[in-house]
Each structure stands twice: as structure tokens, then as C-alpha cells.
Amino acid sequence: MLIIYIKDLVVEAKHGVHAHEKVATQRFNINVELTIDSEKASLTDDLNDTIDWSLLRKNIIDTTVNNSFNLVEKLAREIADKILQNKEIKKVKVSVDKLDAFETGTPGVTIDIENSI
């Protein structure tokens, strides 16, 4: 098993239940950890044998920016579902922190899902 991750990806988007959250962007800190079955890339040194970080990052950003959900729970699930469309990925963990919610303290969620494909 191999774990691939992106940590501390800060994306500005509009998610939340309050009216002001639908209009003004807020910062979301996103961490994604995915498990694949193969360690082939560690032997072949070939990008085709692993998950491309650039594409993973782009998918996370696109999902975050191009949607507006009431709950970060739904945002985390959408990111996870998009990632799990790749049948090579066995498991994904997505954490979303809402950086601008409070003056002190950072609320967030983590979802951990195994691929059913």
C-alpha cells in the first residue's frame, strides 16, 4: 500500500449556511490522503504508475470553487467522491477546516471512505 497526500491546500470559496457566506469568499484548508494498492511507481519512477499530484490538486480546487454547499461535511464528501472515481484509489481521507469561521479556533470535518468500485 502507498499513501499519497496533499496537505494544507488553502482555497477561497463560498460555503456556509449564512447569507454572508454565500456572497463573500472564505478560506478553507483542505488535506487529502489517499491509499493506492501499488507501490509500482517507487520501482519504475514513472508518473503513469501513480496519482498525479497536479491533477489531484486541480480536482480539489475545482470542486471547492465551483460549488456552494451549506455544510463543509458536504464539501468534504464531494471531494472524496470525485477522487474515488479513480478505481486505483482504495481509500480516501478528506479534512476541511473553515479558517475564517471564528476569531480563535478552527472548526472542520474529516471524512474517511473506502472505494466501493
N, C-alpha and C. Protein backbone atom coordinates (compact mmCIF):
# COMPACT_ATOMS: atom_id res chain seq x y z
N MET A 1 0.84 -1.19 0.00
CA MET A 1 0.00 0.00 0.00
C MET A 1 0.88 1.24 0.00
N LEU A 2 0.39 2.26 -0.67
CA LEU A 2 1.09 3.53 -0.75
C LEU A 2 0.11 4.64 -0.40
N ILE A 3 0.53 5.57 0.42
CA ILE A 3 -0.31 6.71 0.78
C ILE A 3 0.24 7.94 0.07
N ILE A 4 -0.65 8.63 -0.63
CA ILE A 4 -0.34 9.87 -1.33
C ILE A 4 -1.17 10.96 -0.67
N TYR A 5 -0.58 12.13 -0.48
CA TYR A 5 -1.35 13.17 0.20
C TYR A 5 -1.02 14.56 -0.33
N ILE A 6 -1.96 15.46 -0.09
CA ILE A 6 -1.76 16.90 -0.25
C ILE A 6 -2.19 17.51 1.07
N LYS A 7 -1.30 18.31 1.67
CA LYS A 7 -1.58 18.93 2.96
C LYS A 7 -1.68 20.44 2.81
N ASP A 8 -2.55 21.02 3.60
CA ASP A 8 -2.64 22.47 3.76
C ASP A 8 -2.86 23.22 2.46
N LEU A 9 -3.78 22.71 1.64
CA LEU A 9 -4.19 23.40 0.42
C LEU A 9 -5.25 24.41 0.81
N VAL A 10 -4.93 25.69 0.74
CA VAL A 10 -5.87 26.74 1.11
C VAL A 10 -6.57 27.24 -0.14
N VAL A 11 -7.90 27.16 -0.11
CA VAL A 11 -8.73 27.54 -1.25
C VAL A 11 -9.78 28.53 -0.77
N GLU A 12 -9.99 29.59 -1.54
CA GLU A 12 -11.05 30.55 -1.22
C GLU A 12 -12.31 30.17 -1.98
N ALA A 13 -13.43 30.08 -1.24
CA ALA A 13 -14.69 29.66 -1.85
C ALA A 13 -15.86 30.15 -1.00
N LYS A 14 -17.07 29.84 -1.47
CA LYS A 14 -18.29 30.28 -0.79
C LYS A 14 -19.09 29.07 -0.33
N HIS A 15 -18.92 28.70 0.93
CA HIS A 15 -19.67 27.60 1.53
C HIS A 15 -20.14 28.03 2.91
N GLY A 16 -21.36 27.71 3.24
CA GLY A 16 -21.88 28.03 4.56
C GLY A 16 -23.38 28.22 4.54
N VAL A 17 -24.00 28.19 5.72
CA VAL A 17 -25.45 28.31 5.83
C VAL A 17 -25.92 29.76 5.91
N HIS A 18 -25.06 30.66 6.31
CA HIS A 18 -25.45 32.06 6.48
C HIS A 18 -25.38 32.83 5.16
N ALA A 19 -26.24 33.83 5.03
CA ALA A 19 -26.33 34.61 3.78
C ALA A 19 -24.99 35.22 3.39
N HIS A 20 -24.25 35.77 4.36
CA HIS A 20 -22.96 36.39 4.05
C HIS A 20 -21.94 35.38 3.53
N GLU A 21 -22.11 34.11 3.90
CA GLU A 21 -21.18 33.08 3.44
C GLU A 21 -21.45 32.69 1.98
N LYS A 22 -22.61 33.01 1.49
CA LYS A 22 -22.97 32.73 0.09
C LYS A 22 -22.43 33.81 -0.85
N VAL A 23 -22.06 34.97 -0.28
CA VAL A 23 -21.63 36.10 -1.09
C VAL A 23 -20.12 36.32 -1.04
N ALA A 24 -19.57 36.28 0.14
CA ALA A 24 -18.14 36.55 0.33
C ALA A 24 -17.35 35.25 0.43
N THR A 25 -16.18 35.24 -0.18
CA THR A 25 -15.35 34.04 -0.10
C THR A 25 -14.72 33.92 1.29
N GLN A 26 -14.47 32.70 1.68
CA GLN A 26 -13.76 32.37 2.91
C GLN A 26 -12.64 31.41 2.56
N ARG A 27 -11.68 31.30 3.47
CA ARG A 27 -10.58 30.37 3.26
C ARG A 27 -10.89 29.01 3.88
N PHE A 28 -10.61 27.97 3.08
CA PHE A 28 -10.77 26.60 3.53
C PHE A 28 -9.43 25.90 3.40
N ASN A 29 -9.00 25.24 4.47
CA ASN A 29 -7.76 24.47 4.45
C ASN A 29 -8.14 23.00 4.22
N ILE A 30 -7.61 22.43 3.15
CA ILE A 30 -8.01 21.08 2.76
C ILE A 30 -6.79 20.15 2.80
N ASN A 31 -6.99 19.00 3.44
CA ASN A 31 -5.97 17.95 3.49
C ASN A 31 -6.60 16.68 2.91
N VAL A 32 -5.88 16.05 2.00
CA VAL A 32 -6.36 14.83 1.37
C VAL A 32 -5.28 13.76 1.48
N GLU A 33 -5.71 12.57 1.88
CA GLU A 33 -4.80 11.43 1.96
C GLU A 33 -5.49 10.27 1.25
N LEU A 34 -4.82 9.70 0.26
CA LEU A 34 -5.42 8.58 -0.44
C LEU A 34 -4.48 7.39 -0.46
N THR A 35 -5.08 6.22 -0.46
CA THR A 35 -4.33 4.97 -0.43
C THR A 35 -4.51 4.26 -1.76
N ILE A 36 -3.38 3.87 -2.35
CA ILE A 36 -3.44 3.05 -3.56
C ILE A 36 -2.76 1.72 -3.27
N ASP A 37 -3.12 0.73 -4.04
CA ASP A 37 -2.66 -0.63 -3.81
C ASP A 37 -1.22 -0.85 -4.25
N SER A 38 -0.76 -0.05 -5.16
CA SER A 38 0.51 -0.33 -5.81
C SER A 38 1.62 0.61 -5.37
N GLU A 39 2.78 0.04 -5.19
CA GLU A 39 3.98 0.83 -4.96
C GLU A 39 4.84 0.82 -6.22
N LYS A 40 4.22 0.49 -7.36
CA LYS A 40 4.94 0.34 -8.62
C LYS A 40 5.78 1.57 -8.97
N ALA A 41 5.24 2.76 -8.74
CA ALA A 41 5.96 3.98 -9.09
C ALA A 41 7.29 4.10 -8.35
N SER A 42 7.36 3.54 -7.15
CA SER A 42 8.61 3.60 -6.39
C SER A 42 9.69 2.75 -7.05
N LEU A 43 9.26 1.82 -7.90
CA LEU A 43 10.21 0.98 -8.62
C LEU A 43 10.48 1.49 -10.03
N THR A 44 9.43 1.97 -10.69
CA THR A 44 9.56 2.37 -12.10
C THR A 44 9.98 3.83 -12.28
N ASP A 45 9.71 4.67 -11.28
CA ASP A 45 9.99 6.10 -11.38
C ASP A 45 9.20 6.73 -12.52
N ASP A 46 7.98 6.24 -12.76
CA ASP A 46 7.14 6.68 -13.87
C ASP A 46 5.83 7.26 -13.33
N LEU A 47 5.53 8.49 -13.71
CA LEU A 47 4.31 9.17 -13.26
C LEU A 47 3.05 8.39 -13.64
N ASN A 48 3.09 7.66 -14.72
CA ASN A 48 1.93 6.88 -15.16
C ASN A 48 1.58 5.75 -14.19
N ASP A 49 2.48 5.44 -13.27
CA ASP A 49 2.26 4.35 -12.32
C ASP A 49 1.80 4.84 -10.95
N THR A 50 1.37 6.09 -10.89
CA THR A 50 0.92 6.65 -9.61
C THR A 50 -0.18 7.67 -9.85
N ILE A 51 -0.51 8.44 -8.85
CA ILE A 51 -1.50 9.51 -8.94
C ILE A 51 -0.76 10.82 -9.14
N ASP A 52 -1.16 11.56 -10.15
CA ASP A 52 -0.54 12.85 -10.47
C ASP A 52 -1.02 13.91 -9.46
N TRP A 53 -0.11 14.42 -8.66
CA TRP A 53 -0.46 15.43 -7.65
C TRP A 53 -1.11 16.66 -8.27
N SER A 54 -0.63 17.08 -9.43
CA SER A 54 -1.17 18.27 -10.08
C SER A 54 -2.64 18.09 -10.43
N LEU A 55 -3.00 16.93 -10.96
CA LEU A 55 -4.39 16.67 -11.30
C LEU A 55 -5.25 16.52 -10.05
N LEU A 56 -4.70 15.89 -9.03
CA LEU A 56 -5.40 15.76 -7.76
C LEU A 56 -5.70 17.13 -7.18
N ARG A 57 -4.70 17.98 -7.14
CA ARG A 57 -4.84 19.35 -6.63
C ARG A 57 -5.89 20.13 -7.42
N LYS A 58 -5.84 20.02 -8.73
CA LYS A 58 -6.79 20.72 -9.61
C LYS A 58 -8.22 20.25 -9.32
N ASN A 59 -8.43 18.95 -9.17
CA ASN A 59 -9.77 18.42 -8.87
C ASN A 59 -10.29 18.93 -7.54
N ILE A 60 -9.43 19.01 -6.54
CA ILE A 60 -9.84 19.52 -5.23
C ILE A 60 -10.25 20.98 -5.34
N ILE A 61 -9.42 21.77 -6.00
CA ILE A 61 -9.71 23.20 -6.16
C ILE A 61 -10.99 23.40 -6.96
N ASP A 62 -11.13 22.70 -8.08
CA ASP A 62 -12.33 22.84 -8.91
C ASP A 62 -13.60 22.49 -8.13
N THR A 63 -13.56 21.41 -7.39
CA THR A 63 -14.73 21.01 -6.60
C THR A 63 -15.07 22.05 -5.54
N THR A 64 -14.06 22.62 -4.93
CA THR A 64 -14.27 23.60 -3.87
C THR A 64 -14.78 24.93 -4.40
N VAL A 65 -14.20 25.40 -5.48
CA VAL A 65 -14.53 26.72 -6.02
C VAL A 65 -15.82 26.71 -6.84
N ASN A 66 -16.08 25.64 -7.55
CA ASN A 66 -17.21 25.62 -8.49
C ASN A 66 -18.51 25.11 -7.89
N ASN A 67 -18.57 25.01 -6.58
CA ASN A 67 -19.79 24.61 -5.86
C ASN A 67 -20.00 25.53 -4.68
N SER A 68 -21.21 25.51 -4.14
CA SER A 68 -21.50 26.24 -2.91
C SER A 68 -22.43 25.38 -2.07
N PHE A 69 -21.87 24.82 -0.99
CA PHE A 69 -22.63 23.95 -0.11
C PHE A 69 -22.90 24.64 1.22
N ASN A 70 -23.96 24.24 1.89
CA ASN A 70 -24.25 24.77 3.21
C ASN A 70 -23.23 24.27 4.24
N LEU A 71 -22.85 23.00 4.12
CA LEU A 71 -22.01 22.37 5.14
C LEU A 71 -20.66 21.94 4.58
N VAL A 72 -19.62 22.06 5.40
CA VAL A 72 -18.30 21.56 4.98
C VAL A 72 -18.32 20.04 4.92
N GLU A 73 -19.25 19.41 5.62
CA GLU A 73 -19.41 17.96 5.51
C GLU A 73 -19.71 17.56 4.06
N LYS A 74 -20.59 18.31 3.42
CA LYS A 74 -20.95 18.04 2.02
C LYS A 74 -19.77 18.33 1.10
N LEU A 75 -19.04 19.39 1.35
CA LEU A 75 -17.86 19.71 0.55
C LEU A 75 -16.84 18.58 0.64
N ALA A 76 -16.56 18.11 1.85
CA ALA A 76 -15.60 17.02 2.04
C ALA A 76 -16.06 15.77 1.30
N ARG A 77 -17.36 15.47 1.35
CA ARG A 77 -17.89 14.29 0.67
C ARG A 77 -17.77 14.42 -0.85
N GLU A 78 -18.03 15.59 -1.37
CA GLU A 78 -17.92 15.81 -2.82
C GLU A 78 -16.47 15.64 -3.30
N ILE A 79 -15.55 16.17 -2.53
CA ILE A 79 -14.13 16.00 -2.87
C ILE A 79 -13.77 14.51 -2.84
N ALA A 80 -14.19 13.81 -1.80
CA ALA A 80 -13.90 12.38 -1.67
C ALA A 80 -14.52 11.59 -2.82
N ASP A 81 -15.77 11.87 -3.13
CA ASP A 81 -16.45 11.14 -4.21
C ASP A 81 -15.76 11.36 -5.55
N LYS A 82 -15.32 12.57 -5.80
CA LYS A 82 -14.61 12.88 -7.05
C LYS A 82 -13.31 12.09 -7.13
N ILE A 83 -12.57 12.04 -6.04
CA ILE A 83 -11.30 11.30 -6.01
C ILE A 83 -11.54 9.80 -6.20
N LEU A 84 -12.59 9.29 -5.58
CA LEU A 84 -12.86 7.85 -5.62
C LEU A 84 -13.39 7.37 -6.97
N GLN A 85 -13.59 8.28 -7.91
CA GLN A 85 -13.95 7.88 -9.27
C GLN A 85 -12.80 7.12 -9.93
N ASN A 86 -11.60 7.32 -9.41
CA ASN A 86 -10.43 6.58 -9.90
C ASN A 86 -10.39 5.24 -9.17
N LYS A 87 -10.59 4.15 -9.91
CA LYS A 87 -10.68 2.83 -9.30
C LYS A 87 -9.37 2.36 -8.68
N GLU A 88 -8.26 3.02 -9.00
CA GLU A 88 -6.96 2.67 -8.42
C GLU A 88 -6.87 3.09 -6.95
N ILE A 89 -7.70 4.03 -6.57
CA ILE A 89 -7.66 4.56 -5.21
C ILE A 89 -8.55 3.69 -4.32
N LYS A 90 -7.96 3.14 -3.29
CA LYS A 90 -8.66 2.20 -2.40
C LYS A 90 -9.38 2.90 -1.25
N LYS A 91 -8.83 4.02 -0.82
CA LYS A 91 -9.36 4.70 0.36
C LYS A 91 -8.97 6.17 0.27
N VAL A 92 -9.84 7.04 0.76
CA VAL A 92 -9.52 8.47 0.79
C VAL A 92 -9.97 9.06 2.12
N LYS A 93 -9.15 9.96 2.63
CA LYS A 93 -9.50 10.74 3.82
C LYS A 93 -9.40 12.20 3.44
N VAL A 94 -10.47 12.94 3.67
CA VAL A 94 -10.51 14.37 3.34
C VAL A 94 -10.84 15.14 4.60
N SER A 95 -10.02 16.14 4.91
CA SER A 95 -10.28 17.05 6.02
C SER A 95 -10.46 18.46 5.46
N VAL A 96 -11.48 19.14 5.95
CA VAL A 96 -11.75 20.52 5.54
C VAL A 96 -11.87 21.37 6.79
N ASP A 97 -11.02 22.38 6.91
CA ASP A 97 -11.07 23.34 8.01
C ASP A 97 -11.59 24.67 7.46
N LYS A 98 -12.46 25.30 8.19
CA LYS A 98 -13.02 26.60 7.80
C LYS A 98 -12.23 27.67 8.57
N LEU A 99 -11.22 28.22 7.92
CA LEU A 99 -10.24 29.07 8.59
C LEU A 99 -10.80 30.39 9.10
N ASP A 100 -11.81 30.93 8.45
CA ASP A 100 -12.31 32.27 8.80
C ASP A 100 -13.61 32.25 9.61
N ALA A 101 -14.00 31.10 10.13
CA ALA A 101 -15.27 31.00 10.85
C ALA A 101 -15.26 31.75 12.18
N PHE A 102 -14.16 31.64 12.91
CA PHE A 102 -14.07 32.26 14.24
C PHE A 102 -12.78 33.06 14.36
N GLU A 103 -12.75 33.96 15.34
CA GLU A 103 -11.51 34.69 15.63
C GLU A 103 -10.43 33.75 16.13
N THR A 104 -10.80 32.85 17.01
CA THR A 104 -9.86 31.85 17.51
C THR A 104 -10.52 30.48 17.44
N GLY A 105 -9.73 29.49 17.16
CA GLY A 105 -10.26 28.14 17.00
C GLY A 105 -10.67 27.90 15.56
N THR A 106 -10.40 26.74 15.06
CA THR A 106 -10.70 26.41 13.67
C THR A 106 -11.60 25.17 13.62
N PRO A 107 -12.86 25.35 13.17
CA PRO A 107 -13.73 24.19 13.03
C PRO A 107 -13.47 23.46 11.72
N GLY A 108 -13.82 22.20 11.68
CA GLY A 108 -13.65 21.45 10.46
C GLY A 108 -14.20 20.05 10.58
N VAL A 109 -14.06 19.30 9.50
CA VAL A 109 -14.54 17.92 9.46
C VAL A 109 -13.51 17.04 8.77
N THR A 110 -13.59 15.75 9.05
CA THR A 110 -12.79 14.75 8.35
C THR A 110 -13.73 13.61 7.95
N ILE A 111 -13.61 13.18 6.70
CA ILE A 111 -14.37 12.04 6.20
C ILE A 111 -13.38 11.01 5.69
N ASP A 112 -13.65 9.76 5.97
CA ASP A 112 -12.75 8.66 5.64
C ASP A 112 -13.59 7.60 4.93
N ILE A 113 -13.33 7.35 3.64
CA ILE A 113 -14.18 6.46 2.85
C ILE A 113 -13.35 5.46 2.08
N GLU A 114 -13.79 4.22 2.05
CA GLU A 114 -13.16 3.20 1.21
C GLU A 114 -13.89 3.14 -0.12
N ASN A 115 -13.15 2.87 -1.19
CA ASN A 115 -13.72 2.82 -2.53
C ASN A 115 -14.54 1.54 -2.69
N SER A 116 -15.75 1.68 -3.20
CA SER A 116 -16.61 0.53 -3.41
C SER A 116 -16.63 0.06 -4.86
N ILE A 117 -15.83 0.69 -5.70
CA ILE A 117 -15.78 0.32 -7.13
C ILE A 117 -15.01 -0.96 -7.30
